Amino acid sequence: MFGKKKATLADVLTNIKIARNRVRIYKNRMKDRIEKYNQMSERNFGRFTAVSMEYMKEAEQLQRIIQFLNTIDILLEMAEIKIETIIYIGYIVN
């Protein structure tokens, strides 16, 4: 009686688009951070090699996370296309 109402396809599609935008924002932030870490590692390589190596490791980890976010973005895009197709077929049938 007091349960959640079921989400419509339009609601799901909206949530997917919002999630894709969030993924893009996260990717852009991480790309900026990778660029900063690379600059900092180059700057500190001669004086502080241990710190420079840590920056390089951090940049590599962020690069792996970006690859994972790219995969998530592709999966969300596929779901978005499928839901849009279902909605359009529903309009055609009705």
N, C-alpha and C. Protein backbone atom coordinates (compact mmCIF):
# COMPACT_ATOMS: atom_id res chain seq x y z
N MET A 1 0.82 -1.19 0.00
CA MET A 1 0.00 0.00 0.00
C MET A 1 0.86 1.26 0.00
N PHE A 2 1.94 1.25 0.79
CA PHE A 2 2.80 2.41 0.85
C PHE A 2 4.13 2.19 0.16
N GLY A 3 4.22 1.19 -0.71
CA GLY A 3 5.47 0.88 -1.38
C GLY A 3 5.82 1.94 -2.42
N LYS A 4 7.00 1.79 -2.97
CA LYS A 4 7.44 2.71 -4.01
C LYS A 4 6.63 2.49 -5.27
N LYS A 5 6.42 3.59 -6.00
CA LYS A 5 5.76 3.42 -7.28
C LYS A 5 6.76 2.90 -8.30
N LYS A 6 6.28 2.16 -9.25
CA LYS A 6 7.18 1.60 -10.25
C LYS A 6 7.70 2.71 -11.16
N ALA A 7 8.95 2.60 -11.50
CA ALA A 7 9.57 3.57 -12.39
C ALA A 7 9.14 3.28 -13.82
N THR A 8 8.80 4.32 -14.55
CA THR A 8 8.45 4.16 -15.95
C THR A 8 9.73 4.08 -16.77
N LEU A 9 9.59 3.72 -18.02
CA LEU A 9 10.77 3.66 -18.89
C LEU A 9 11.39 5.04 -19.06
N ALA A 10 10.56 6.07 -19.08
CA ALA A 10 11.08 7.43 -19.20
C ALA A 10 11.93 7.79 -17.98
N ASP A 11 11.49 7.36 -16.78
CA ASP A 11 12.27 7.61 -15.57
C ASP A 11 13.60 6.89 -15.62
N VAL A 12 13.58 5.65 -16.06
CA VAL A 12 14.81 4.86 -16.16
C VAL A 12 15.75 5.50 -17.17
N LEU A 13 15.20 5.96 -18.30
CA LEU A 13 16.01 6.60 -19.33
C LEU A 13 16.65 7.88 -18.79
N THR A 14 15.89 8.65 -18.04
CA THR A 14 16.42 9.87 -17.43
C THR A 14 17.54 9.55 -16.45
N ASN A 15 17.35 8.53 -15.63
CA ASN A 15 18.39 8.14 -14.67
C ASN A 15 19.65 7.66 -15.37
N ILE A 16 19.50 6.97 -16.48
CA ILE A 16 20.67 6.52 -17.24
C ILE A 16 21.43 7.70 -17.81
N LYS A 17 20.71 8.68 -18.35
CA LYS A 17 21.37 9.86 -18.91
C LYS A 17 22.10 10.65 -17.82
N ILE A 18 21.49 10.74 -16.64
CA ILE A 18 22.14 11.43 -15.52
C ILE A 18 23.40 10.67 -15.11
N ALA A 19 23.32 9.35 -15.06
CA ALA A 19 24.48 8.53 -14.68
C ALA A 19 25.61 8.69 -15.71
N ARG A 20 25.27 8.74 -16.99
CA ARG A 20 26.31 8.93 -18.01
C ARG A 20 27.00 10.28 -17.86
N ASN A 21 26.22 11.31 -17.53
CA ASN A 21 26.83 12.63 -17.32
C ASN A 21 27.76 12.61 -16.11
N ARG A 22 27.35 11.92 -15.05
CA ARG A 22 28.22 11.82 -13.87
C ARG A 22 29.50 11.09 -14.20
N VAL A 23 29.39 10.03 -14.99
CA VAL A 23 30.59 9.27 -15.38
C VAL A 23 31.53 10.18 -16.17
N ARG A 24 30.98 10.99 -17.08
CA ARG A 24 31.82 11.90 -17.86
C ARG A 24 32.51 12.92 -16.97
N ILE A 25 31.77 13.42 -15.98
CA ILE A 25 32.37 14.40 -15.06
C ILE A 25 33.51 13.76 -14.29
N TYR A 26 33.30 12.54 -13.78
CA TYR A 26 34.36 11.84 -13.04
C TYR A 26 35.57 11.61 -13.93
N LYS A 27 35.33 11.20 -15.18
CA LYS A 27 36.45 10.96 -16.09
C LYS A 27 37.25 12.24 -16.32
N ASN A 28 36.56 13.35 -16.53
CA ASN A 28 37.26 14.62 -16.76
C ASN A 28 38.07 15.04 -15.55
N ARG A 29 37.51 14.84 -14.36
CA ARG A 29 38.25 15.18 -13.14
C ARG A 29 39.50 14.32 -13.02
N MET A 30 39.37 13.05 -13.31
CA MET A 30 40.52 12.15 -13.19
C MET A 30 41.57 12.45 -14.24
N LYS A 31 41.15 12.83 -15.44
CA LYS A 31 42.12 13.20 -16.47
C LYS A 31 42.91 14.42 -16.05
N ASP A 32 42.23 15.40 -15.45
CA ASP A 32 42.92 16.57 -14.95
C ASP A 32 43.91 16.20 -13.84
N ARG A 33 43.48 15.31 -12.96
CA ARG A 33 44.34 14.89 -11.86
C ARG A 33 45.55 14.13 -12.38
N ILE A 34 45.34 13.29 -13.40
CA ILE A 34 46.48 12.56 -14.00
C ILE A 34 47.48 13.54 -14.58
N GLU A 35 46.97 14.56 -15.25
CA GLU A 35 47.86 15.56 -15.84
C GLU A 35 48.67 16.27 -14.75
N LYS A 36 48.01 16.61 -13.64
CA LYS A 36 48.72 17.27 -12.53
C LYS A 36 49.77 16.34 -11.93
N TYR A 37 49.42 15.08 -11.73
CA TYR A 37 50.37 14.13 -11.16
C TYR A 37 51.57 13.94 -12.07
N ASN A 38 51.33 13.88 -13.37
CA ASN A 38 52.46 13.74 -14.31
C ASN A 38 53.38 14.95 -14.25
N GLN A 39 52.78 16.14 -14.18
CA GLN A 39 53.60 17.35 -14.07
C GLN A 39 54.40 17.36 -12.78
N MET A 40 53.74 16.96 -11.68
CA MET A 40 54.43 16.95 -10.38
C MET A 40 55.54 15.91 -10.35
N SER A 41 55.31 14.76 -10.98
CA SER A 41 56.36 13.73 -10.99
C SER A 41 57.55 14.18 -11.82
N GLU A 42 57.30 14.88 -12.94
CA GLU A 42 58.40 15.38 -13.75
C GLU A 42 59.19 16.45 -13.00
N ARG A 43 58.48 17.30 -12.28
CA ARG A 43 59.12 18.38 -11.55
C ARG A 43 59.99 17.85 -10.41
N ASN A 44 59.53 16.78 -9.75
CA ASN A 44 60.23 16.29 -8.57
C ASN A 44 61.14 15.10 -8.85
N PHE A 45 61.31 14.71 -10.10
CA PHE A 45 62.04 13.49 -10.41
C PHE A 45 63.50 13.55 -9.99
N GLY A 46 64.14 14.66 -10.19
CA GLY A 46 65.56 14.76 -9.85
C GLY A 46 65.81 14.85 -8.36
N ARG A 47 64.97 15.57 -7.65
CA ARG A 47 65.20 15.80 -6.22
C ARG A 47 64.59 14.71 -5.35
N PHE A 48 63.31 14.40 -5.61
CA PHE A 48 62.59 13.45 -4.77
C PHE A 48 62.06 12.30 -5.63
N THR A 49 62.92 11.34 -5.88
CA THR A 49 62.52 10.25 -6.78
C THR A 49 61.43 9.38 -6.17
N ALA A 50 61.43 9.18 -4.86
CA ALA A 50 60.40 8.35 -4.23
C ALA A 50 59.03 8.99 -4.37
N VAL A 51 58.97 10.30 -4.16
CA VAL A 51 57.70 11.01 -4.30
C VAL A 51 57.24 10.99 -5.76
N SER A 52 58.19 11.16 -6.64
CA SER A 52 57.88 11.14 -8.06
C SER A 52 57.32 9.78 -8.49
N MET A 53 57.89 8.72 -7.97
CA MET A 53 57.40 7.38 -8.29
C MET A 53 55.98 7.17 -7.77
N GLU A 54 55.69 7.72 -6.60
CA GLU A 54 54.34 7.61 -6.04
C GLU A 54 53.33 8.34 -6.92
N TYR A 55 53.71 9.52 -7.43
CA TYR A 55 52.83 10.24 -8.34
C TYR A 55 52.58 9.43 -9.60
N MET A 56 53.62 8.78 -10.11
CA MET A 56 53.47 7.98 -11.31
C MET A 56 52.55 6.79 -11.06
N LYS A 57 52.67 6.14 -9.90
CA LYS A 57 51.79 5.02 -9.56
C LYS A 57 50.35 5.49 -9.45
N GLU A 58 50.17 6.63 -8.83
CA GLU A 58 48.81 7.18 -8.68
C GLU A 58 48.20 7.48 -10.05
N ALA A 59 49.00 8.02 -10.95
CA ALA A 59 48.52 8.32 -12.30
C ALA A 59 48.13 7.03 -13.03
N GLU A 60 48.90 5.97 -12.85
CA GLU A 60 48.57 4.69 -13.48
C GLU A 60 47.27 4.12 -12.92
N GLN A 61 47.07 4.24 -11.62
CA GLN A 61 45.83 3.75 -11.02
C GLN A 61 44.63 4.54 -11.52
N LEU A 62 44.79 5.84 -11.62
CA LEU A 62 43.69 6.66 -12.14
C LEU A 62 43.40 6.32 -13.60
N GLN A 63 44.43 5.97 -14.36
CA GLN A 63 44.23 5.58 -15.75
C GLN A 63 43.41 4.29 -15.83
N ARG A 64 43.68 3.35 -14.92
CA ARG A 64 42.89 2.12 -14.88
C ARG A 64 41.44 2.41 -14.51
N ILE A 65 41.24 3.33 -13.59
CA ILE A 65 39.88 3.70 -13.21
C ILE A 65 39.16 4.35 -14.38
N ILE A 66 39.86 5.16 -15.15
CA ILE A 66 39.25 5.79 -16.33
C ILE A 66 38.84 4.72 -17.34
N GLN A 67 39.65 3.69 -17.52
CA GLN A 67 39.28 2.61 -18.43
C GLN A 67 38.02 1.91 -17.94
N PHE A 68 37.91 1.70 -16.64
CA PHE A 68 36.71 1.10 -16.07
C PHE A 68 35.50 2.00 -16.28
N LEU A 69 35.68 3.32 -16.09
CA LEU A 69 34.58 4.25 -16.32
C LEU A 69 34.17 4.29 -17.78
N ASN A 70 35.12 4.12 -18.69
CA ASN A 70 34.78 4.03 -20.11
C ASN A 70 33.89 2.82 -20.38
N THR A 71 34.21 1.70 -19.74
CA THR A 71 33.38 0.50 -19.89
C THR A 71 31.97 0.74 -19.35
N ILE A 72 31.88 1.39 -18.19
CA ILE A 72 30.57 1.69 -17.63
C ILE A 72 29.79 2.61 -18.54
N ASP A 73 30.47 3.61 -19.11
CA ASP A 73 29.80 4.54 -20.02
C ASP A 73 29.25 3.82 -21.24
N ILE A 74 30.02 2.89 -21.78
CA ILE A 74 29.57 2.13 -22.95
C ILE A 74 28.35 1.28 -22.60
N LEU A 75 28.39 0.63 -21.43
CA LEU A 75 27.24 -0.19 -21.01
C LEU A 75 26.00 0.66 -20.79
N LEU A 76 26.18 1.83 -20.19
CA LEU A 76 25.04 2.73 -19.99
C LEU A 76 24.49 3.23 -21.32
N GLU A 77 25.37 3.50 -22.27
CA GLU A 77 24.93 3.93 -23.59
C GLU A 77 24.13 2.83 -24.29
N MET A 78 24.58 1.60 -24.15
CA MET A 78 23.85 0.48 -24.75
C MET A 78 22.46 0.35 -24.12
N ALA A 79 22.38 0.49 -22.80
CA ALA A 79 21.09 0.42 -22.12
C ALA A 79 20.20 1.58 -22.55
N GLU A 80 20.78 2.75 -22.71
CA GLU A 80 20.02 3.92 -23.15
C GLU A 80 19.42 3.70 -24.54
N ILE A 81 20.22 3.15 -25.44
CA ILE A 81 19.74 2.90 -26.80
C ILE A 81 18.63 1.87 -26.79
N LYS A 82 18.78 0.83 -26.00
CA LYS A 82 17.75 -0.22 -25.94
C LYS A 82 16.44 0.32 -25.37
N ILE A 83 16.53 1.13 -24.32
CA ILE A 83 15.31 1.68 -23.74
C ILE A 83 14.65 2.67 -24.69
N GLU A 84 15.45 3.50 -25.37
CA GLU A 84 14.88 4.41 -26.36
C GLU A 84 14.18 3.63 -27.47
N THR A 85 14.77 2.53 -27.89
CA THR A 85 14.15 1.69 -28.93
C THR A 85 12.83 1.12 -28.44
N ILE A 86 12.80 0.65 -27.20
CA ILE A 86 11.56 0.10 -26.65
C ILE A 86 10.48 1.18 -26.57
N ILE A 87 10.86 2.39 -26.18
CA ILE A 87 9.89 3.48 -26.10
C ILE A 87 9.35 3.82 -27.48
N TYR A 88 10.23 3.91 -28.48
CA TYR A 88 9.78 4.23 -29.83
C TYR A 88 8.89 3.15 -30.41
N ILE A 89 9.23 1.90 -30.15
CA ILE A 89 8.37 0.80 -30.63
C ILE A 89 7.01 0.89 -29.95
N GLY A 90 7.00 1.25 -28.67
CA GLY A 90 5.71 1.43 -27.98
C GLY A 90 4.88 2.53 -28.61
N TYR A 91 5.52 3.64 -29.03
CA TYR A 91 4.78 4.71 -29.70
C TYR A 91 4.23 4.24 -31.03
N ILE A 92 5.02 3.46 -31.77
CA ILE A 92 4.58 2.98 -33.08
C ILE A 92 3.43 2.02 -32.94
N VAL A 93 3.49 1.12 -31.97
CA VAL A 93 2.45 0.12 -31.77
C VAL A 93 1.15 0.77 -31.33
N ASN A 94 1.25 1.75 -30.46
CA ASN A 94 0.03 2.42 -29.97
C ASN A 94 -0.38 3.43 -30.99
